[in-house]
Amino acid sequence: MTDTSQLQADLLAQIAAADTPDALEAVRVAAMGKQGQVTQLLKTLGGMSPEDRAVAGPAFNGLREAITAALAAKKAALDEAALNAKLAAEKQDMTLPVSLPATGTIHPISQVMDELAGIFADLGFAVASGPEIEDDWHNFTALNIPESHPARAMHDTFYIDGQPNMVLRTHTSPVQIRTMVGQKPPIRIIAPGRVYRSDSDATHTPMFHQIEGLVIDKGITLAHLRWTLETFIKAFFEVDDVVLRFRPSYFPFTEPSVEVDVGYSAKTGKPAGQGQVDKWLEVLGSGMVHPRVIAACGLDPNEWQGFAFGTGVDRLAMLKYGLTDLRAFFDGDIKWLKHNGFSAFDLPSISAGATP
């Protein structure tokens, strides 16, 4: 028993003195390896009498457990010391200038947002914003959306728990309502921002980006809407000519309402002019602001008229830059962002966006 106690003391001292992983491994092999001292002691138990084994067994097993625990604790301490040394060596001087080329890029959605803001600023539009958590009146009622409209259904709208009249906005149209209520006409705004709907696939996500435009003035007609959209499409897709097709549609907040298709050329992959159209692509919804919406905002619809339009920013980015899966926009994949992103120094111009 005295020899066992002395062996334990000697081995614990060797473990404490080991200052590198290799030194500690050497102590482990000498003590616990196939020919180690503790292992050899344990092997002698088989040749002892039952009486001797009853005394030596607990002592030998206690020795093994003490040495095993000491080895584990020492290894953990050495690993922590090595990690701390590595972290200390990786310190960087944040005051040093950036090494170019920088690896960060501008996300395609951010780029398109900037392009749209530049284009519409050139047309005299201001940028307006509003809360992403909206009340029922701004998101639905003021926009002439009836109680029975499918857009109010739980499967399409995210309602806030415990607040039945509050929703994650399903479009940026509430910004139009807030602007008409709080600002005297004439009004020319665009309202870009995040919106939320319960949908998810390759071309839909629960959160996406939308931009809407609103003009309120005297004597506004559908012709003003058409000219604005033609000018916008030409500038955004960087083409000299474009053919638009207006199809009658229905939106509760506009009357008349029209879906807008743009003529597309399979050869160029861009919107095309007369004689070059191979197919039609739906790009946005629009129409003349419904008199009930104007009246709900405290304006006289007999004096003030206007038009509104809206489109998905994500869809515009997919069309312009050839991106096929909307879900990749939100995956945070560094390789995807590096390939499809834009340089921070490649700012979009007023009349057209920069290319990647």
Foldseek 3Di string as FASTA:
>chain_A
DVVLVVVLVVLLVQLVPDQAPVSLVVSCCCDPNCPHPLNVQVVCLVVDDPVVNVVVVVSSVVSVVSNVVSSVVSVVVNVVVVVVVVVVVPDDDPPDDDDPPDLDFAFLLNQLVQQLCLQVVVVVAAEFEDDQKDFQCLQAVLLQHDPPHPCLDVQWWAADPPRRGITRRQARSSRVLVCLLPDDDQHWYKYKDKGATNDDDQVDDRIFIKIKIKGKAFPDDVVVVVVVVQQSQCLALVHDAWDKDWAFDDDSFAPRKTFIWIFAAPVVLGGDHPPRGDDIDTFKIKHKGDQSSSVSSPHHSVGMIMMMMMGTSLVSSCSRQVNGGSVVSPPPDSVVCSVQGHRPPLHQHSRYGDHD
